[in-house]
Protein backbone atom coordinates (compact mmCIF):
# COMPACT_ATOMS: atom_id res chain seq x y z
CA MET A 1 0.00 0.00 0.00
CA LEU A 2 2.84 2.37 0.82
CA SER A 3 4.59 1.81 -2.53
CA ARG A 4 1.32 2.38 -4.38
CA HIS A 5 0.80 5.60 -2.43
CA LEU A 6 4.26 6.84 -3.42
CA PHE A 7 3.76 5.78 -7.03
CA ASN A 8 0.52 7.73 -7.24
CA ARG A 9 2.32 10.88 -6.09
CA LEU A 10 4.96 10.70 -8.82
CA VAL A 11 3.66 13.02 -11.52
CA PRO A 12 5.34 14.61 -14.57
CA CYS A 13 6.19 18.30 -14.35
CA ILE A 14 4.11 20.17 -16.92
CA LEU A 15 7.20 22.17 -17.95
CA CYS A 16 10.11 19.72 -18.08
CA ASP A 17 8.28 16.34 -18.00
CA GLU A 18 10.52 15.06 -15.21
CA THR A 19 8.58 13.06 -12.63
CA HIS A 20 8.49 14.53 -9.17
CA GLU A 21 6.87 13.58 -5.88
CA SER A 22 4.38 16.35 -5.32
CA ASP A 23 0.75 17.37 -5.55
CA GLN A 24 1.83 20.37 -7.66
CA ARG A 25 1.92 20.36 -11.47
CA ILE A 26 5.38 21.92 -11.58
CA CYS A 27 8.58 20.57 -10.05
CA THR A 28 10.66 22.46 -7.49
CA THR A 29 13.51 23.04 -9.96
CA CYS A 30 11.28 24.72 -12.54
CA LEU A 31 9.55 26.73 -9.84
CA ASN A 32 12.83 28.08 -8.48
CA ASP A 33 14.12 28.87 -11.99
CA THR A 34 11.19 31.19 -12.68
CA LEU A 35 10.97 33.21 -9.48
CA ALA A 36 12.29 36.77 -9.36
CA SER A 37 14.09 38.17 -6.34
CA ASP A 38 12.43 41.58 -6.18
CA ILE A 39 8.85 41.95 -7.35
CA ARG A 40 8.25 45.64 -6.58
CA GLN A 41 9.70 48.50 -8.63
CA THR A 42 9.11 52.24 -8.29
CA PRO A 43 9.65 54.66 -11.20
CA MET A 44 13.06 55.50 -9.69
CA ASP A 45 14.00 51.81 -9.44
CA LEU A 46 13.23 51.37 -13.14
CA SER A 47 16.10 53.64 -14.13
CA VAL A 48 18.56 50.89 -13.15
CA HIS A 49 16.40 47.82 -13.78
CA PRO A 50 18.32 45.37 -16.03
CA HIS A 51 15.31 44.65 -18.25
CA ALA A 52 13.68 48.10 -18.25
CA LEU A 53 14.39 50.02 -21.44
CA HIS A 54 15.58 53.61 -21.17
CA THR A 55 12.52 54.44 -23.29
CA MET A 56 10.13 53.20 -20.61
CA SER A 57 7.39 55.61 -19.64
CA LEU A 58 6.03 54.39 -16.33
CA ASP A 59 6.29 57.63 -14.36
CA LYS A 60 2.48 57.83 -14.11
CA LEU A 61 2.48 54.69 -11.94
CA SER A 62 3.05 54.72 -8.18
CA ALA A 63 4.56 51.22 -8.28
CA VAL A 64 5.04 48.34 -10.67
CA TYR A 65 4.98 44.70 -9.54
CA VAL A 66 6.52 42.16 -11.93
CA PRO A 67 7.67 38.71 -10.71
CA PHE A 68 9.16 37.15 -13.86
CA ILE A 69 11.31 37.76 -16.94
CA TYR A 70 9.71 36.85 -20.29
CA GLN A 71 11.82 33.77 -20.91
CA TRP A 72 11.42 30.01 -20.57
CA PRO A 73 9.12 28.75 -19.16
CA VAL A 74 7.03 31.86 -18.53
CA ASP A 75 7.10 32.98 -22.18
CA MET A 76 5.74 29.59 -23.30
CA LEU A 77 3.00 29.59 -20.65
CA ILE A 78 1.83 33.13 -21.47
CA SER A 79 1.96 32.58 -25.22
CA GLN A 80 0.04 29.29 -25.17
CA TYR A 81 -2.63 30.71 -22.87
CA LYS A 82 -2.91 34.05 -24.68
CA TYR A 83 -2.90 32.88 -28.30
CA HIS A 84 -4.05 29.27 -28.08
CA ALA A 85 -6.54 29.40 -25.18
CA SER A 86 -4.56 26.75 -23.29
CA PHE A 87 -6.34 27.23 -19.98
CA ASP A 88 -4.31 24.61 -18.13
CA ARG A 89 -1.32 26.91 -18.67
CA SER A 90 -3.12 29.70 -16.81
CA ALA A 91 -3.45 27.36 -13.82
CA VAL A 92 0.30 26.73 -13.92
CA LEU A 93 0.99 30.48 -14.11
CA LEU A 94 -1.19 30.97 -11.07
CA SER A 95 0.70 28.28 -9.17
CA LEU A 96 3.95 30.09 -10.02
CA LEU A 97 2.54 33.38 -8.78
CA LYS A 98 1.21 32.24 -5.42
CA PRO A 99 4.62 32.16 -3.65
CA VAL A 100 5.38 35.78 -4.59
CA LEU A 101 2.00 37.42 -4.07
CA GLY A 102 2.74 37.71 -0.36
CA GLN A 103 5.29 40.40 -1.18
CA ILE A 104 2.50 42.78 -2.21
CA ASP A 105 0.33 44.73 0.21
CA PHE A 106 -2.99 44.36 -1.62
CA SER A 107 -4.86 46.25 1.11
CA GLN A 108 -3.61 49.53 -0.41
CA PHE A 109 -5.74 49.02 -3.54
CA ASN A 110 -9.46 49.76 -3.57
CA ALA A 111 -10.04 48.98 -7.27
CA ILE A 112 -8.58 46.47 -9.72
CA ALA A 113 -8.91 46.26 -13.51
CA CYS A 114 -7.21 44.45 -16.36
CA VAL A 115 -5.92 46.24 -19.44
CA PRO A 116 -8.93 46.04 -21.77
CA ASN A 117 -8.90 44.54 -25.25
CA HIS A 118 -10.77 46.20 -28.07
CA PRO A 119 -14.17 44.42 -28.46
CA GLU A 120 -13.23 43.18 -31.94
CA ARG A 121 -10.06 41.55 -30.59
CA THR A 122 -11.94 39.97 -27.70
CA ILE A 123 -14.50 38.49 -30.10
CA LYS A 124 -11.74 37.16 -32.36
CA ARG A 125 -9.76 35.62 -29.50
CA GLY A 126 -12.86 34.59 -27.57
CA PHE A 127 -11.68 35.99 -24.22
CA ASN A 128 -9.48 38.58 -22.56
CA GLN A 129 -6.49 36.59 -21.30
CA LEU A 130 -6.16 38.90 -18.29
CA ASP A 131 -9.65 38.27 -16.90
CA TYR A 132 -8.67 35.04 -15.13
CA LEU A 133 -5.82 36.60 -13.14
CA THR A 134 -7.77 39.78 -12.41
CA CYS A 135 -10.77 37.84 -11.10
CA PHE A 136 -8.52 35.66 -8.94
CA LEU A 137 -6.77 38.65 -7.34
CA ALA A 138 -10.04 40.55 -6.85
CA HIS A 139 -11.61 37.56 -5.09
CA GLN A 140 -8.50 36.54 -3.12
CA TYR A 141 -7.84 40.02 -1.72
CA GLN A 142 -11.39 41.41 -1.73
CA ILE A 143 -10.65 44.26 -4.15
CA PRO A 144 -13.58 45.77 -6.09
CA MET A 145 -13.23 44.85 -9.76
CA VAL A 146 -13.82 47.79 -12.11
CA SER A 147 -12.69 46.37 -15.47
CA SER A 148 -16.09 47.08 -17.02
CA ALA A 149 -15.63 50.81 -16.31
CA ILE A 150 -12.65 51.05 -18.68
CA ILE A 151 -12.74 50.44 -22.43
CA ARG A 152 -10.29 50.35 -25.30
CA SER A 153 -11.96 52.86 -27.58
CA LYS A 154 -9.41 52.61 -30.38
CA MET A 155 -8.53 49.49 -32.39
CA THR A 156 -4.75 49.48 -32.07
CA LEU A 157 -2.10 47.43 -33.83
CA LYS A 158 -0.44 44.64 -31.88
CA GLN A 159 2.40 46.15 -29.87
CA ALA A 160 4.78 43.20 -30.36
CA GLY A 161 7.42 44.09 -32.93
CA LEU A 162 6.86 47.86 -32.84
CA THR A 163 9.57 50.32 -31.87
CA ALA A 164 9.15 52.44 -28.73
CA TYR A 165 8.10 55.47 -30.83
CA LYS A 166 5.55 53.47 -32.82
CA ARG A 167 4.19 51.94 -29.59
CA ARG A 168 3.52 55.40 -28.15
CA LYS A 169 1.85 56.58 -31.36
CA ASN A 170 -0.18 53.38 -31.58
CA MET A 171 -1.52 53.66 -28.02
CA SER A 172 -2.25 57.40 -28.00
CA GLY A 173 -5.92 57.94 -27.13
CA ALA A 174 -6.57 54.19 -26.99
CA PHE A 175 -8.55 54.12 -23.71
CA ALA A 176 -11.59 55.75 -22.16
CA VAL A 177 -13.43 55.60 -18.84
CA GLU A 178 -17.14 54.88 -19.18
CA ARG A 179 -18.05 55.04 -15.47
CA ILE A 180 -15.99 57.67 -13.68
CA SER A 181 -17.73 56.99 -10.35
CA ALA A 182 -16.27 53.46 -10.31
CA VAL A 183 -12.67 54.71 -10.26
CA GLU A 184 -12.74 58.28 -8.97
CA ASN A 185 -10.51 58.95 -5.91
CA ARG A 186 -9.35 55.33 -5.85
CA HIS A 187 -5.98 53.59 -5.95
CA VAL A 188 -6.37 51.37 -9.01
CA LEU A 189 -4.25 48.28 -9.62
CA LEU A 190 -3.93 47.55 -13.35
CA ILE A 191 -3.26 43.98 -14.53
CA ASP A 192 -1.21 43.24 -17.65
CA ASP A 193 0.71 40.24 -18.98
CA VAL A 194 4.07 41.54 -20.30
CA ILE A 195 5.74 44.95 -19.91
CA THR A 196 8.06 45.96 -22.75
CA THR A 197 8.32 49.76 -22.94
CA GLY A 198 5.41 50.39 -20.59
CA THR A 199 3.53 52.40 -23.21
CA THR A 200 0.19 50.62 -22.79
CA LEU A 201 0.17 50.94 -19.01
CA SER A 202 1.37 54.54 -19.16
CA GLU A 203 -1.40 55.56 -21.57
CA LEU A 204 -4.07 53.80 -19.51
CA ALA A 205 -2.73 55.25 -16.24
CA GLN A 206 -2.81 58.78 -17.68
CA THR A 207 -6.39 58.25 -18.88
CA LEU A 208 -7.42 57.18 -15.37
CA LEU A 209 -5.59 60.04 -13.64
CA ASN A 210 -7.29 62.50 -15.99
CA GLN A 211 -10.64 61.16 -14.78
CA GLY A 212 -9.96 61.69 -11.08
CA VAL A 213 -8.22 58.46 -10.06
CA LYS A 214 -6.05 59.14 -7.01
CA ARG A 215 -3.19 56.70 -7.76
CA VAL A 216 -2.42 53.97 -10.27
CA SER A 217 -0.15 50.95 -9.78
CA ALA A 218 0.38 47.96 -12.03
CA PHE A 219 0.94 44.23 -11.78
CA ALA A 220 2.29 42.33 -14.78
CA LEU A 221 3.39 38.73 -15.16
CA ALA A 222 6.73 39.44 -16.84
CA TRP A 223 9.29 41.92 -18.11
CA ALA A 224 10.21 41.60 -21.76
CA LYS A 225 13.85 40.55 -21.87
CA TYR A 226 16.12 43.45 -22.84
CA GLU A 227 19.34 42.31 -24.51
CA GLY A 228 21.26 45.59 -24.28
CA GLU A 229 20.59 47.28 -27.63
CA HIS A 230 17.99 49.97 -28.31
CA ASP A 231 14.61 48.37 -29.02
CA ASN A 232 16.21 44.91 -29.02
CA ILE A 233 13.56 43.08 -27.04
CA HIS A 234 12.72 39.40 -27.01
CA ILE A 235 8.96 38.92 -27.02
CA GLU A 236 6.40 37.29 -29.27
């Protein structure tokens, strides 16, 4: 009976396929390889962050929380969930996040919202990939969810592959607030998947601040990996 019990606990890691003795879907080695050492960054911290481009425009945000770098295995998990609706990958991402969420004081936020997709893109993809994480955080930390109050009013190009200048031009005027009362005088936590130049978050934060939001912070899953040359960023 004991050997059968141990056998039943040996499961393949969803990332490396190595069997491990755990109830988790990811082995300890893969888990440790993905975790970042410092999740919180202020605008001043970003000036020396190894993966923050000098073109980043996150000064509108009070703080930025990013646990991972966009590299294996996080890049694969985000890409498969985002573009192929692989929902089991979202569960793995959540399991990776749980150990680091304790570093964030969620009591400071009294509103939470994901970066909205344009309706046409949501219909094409079938879902907003950020809804799952936003709903989890809202429920886990009892933060009012206000995603429905914010819309993407402009159909933008995909940011991946654009230069910093083209990203800013692409996102200019992209967002609007439909229900000001839902966000006014609040500290809003925005949820995104990957930060590259920060243009999307900066534009959305400015839109919210213009409508009476008190403070805006952001949580993203990963930093795009900066290889040391201008606009040389590894991201799909």
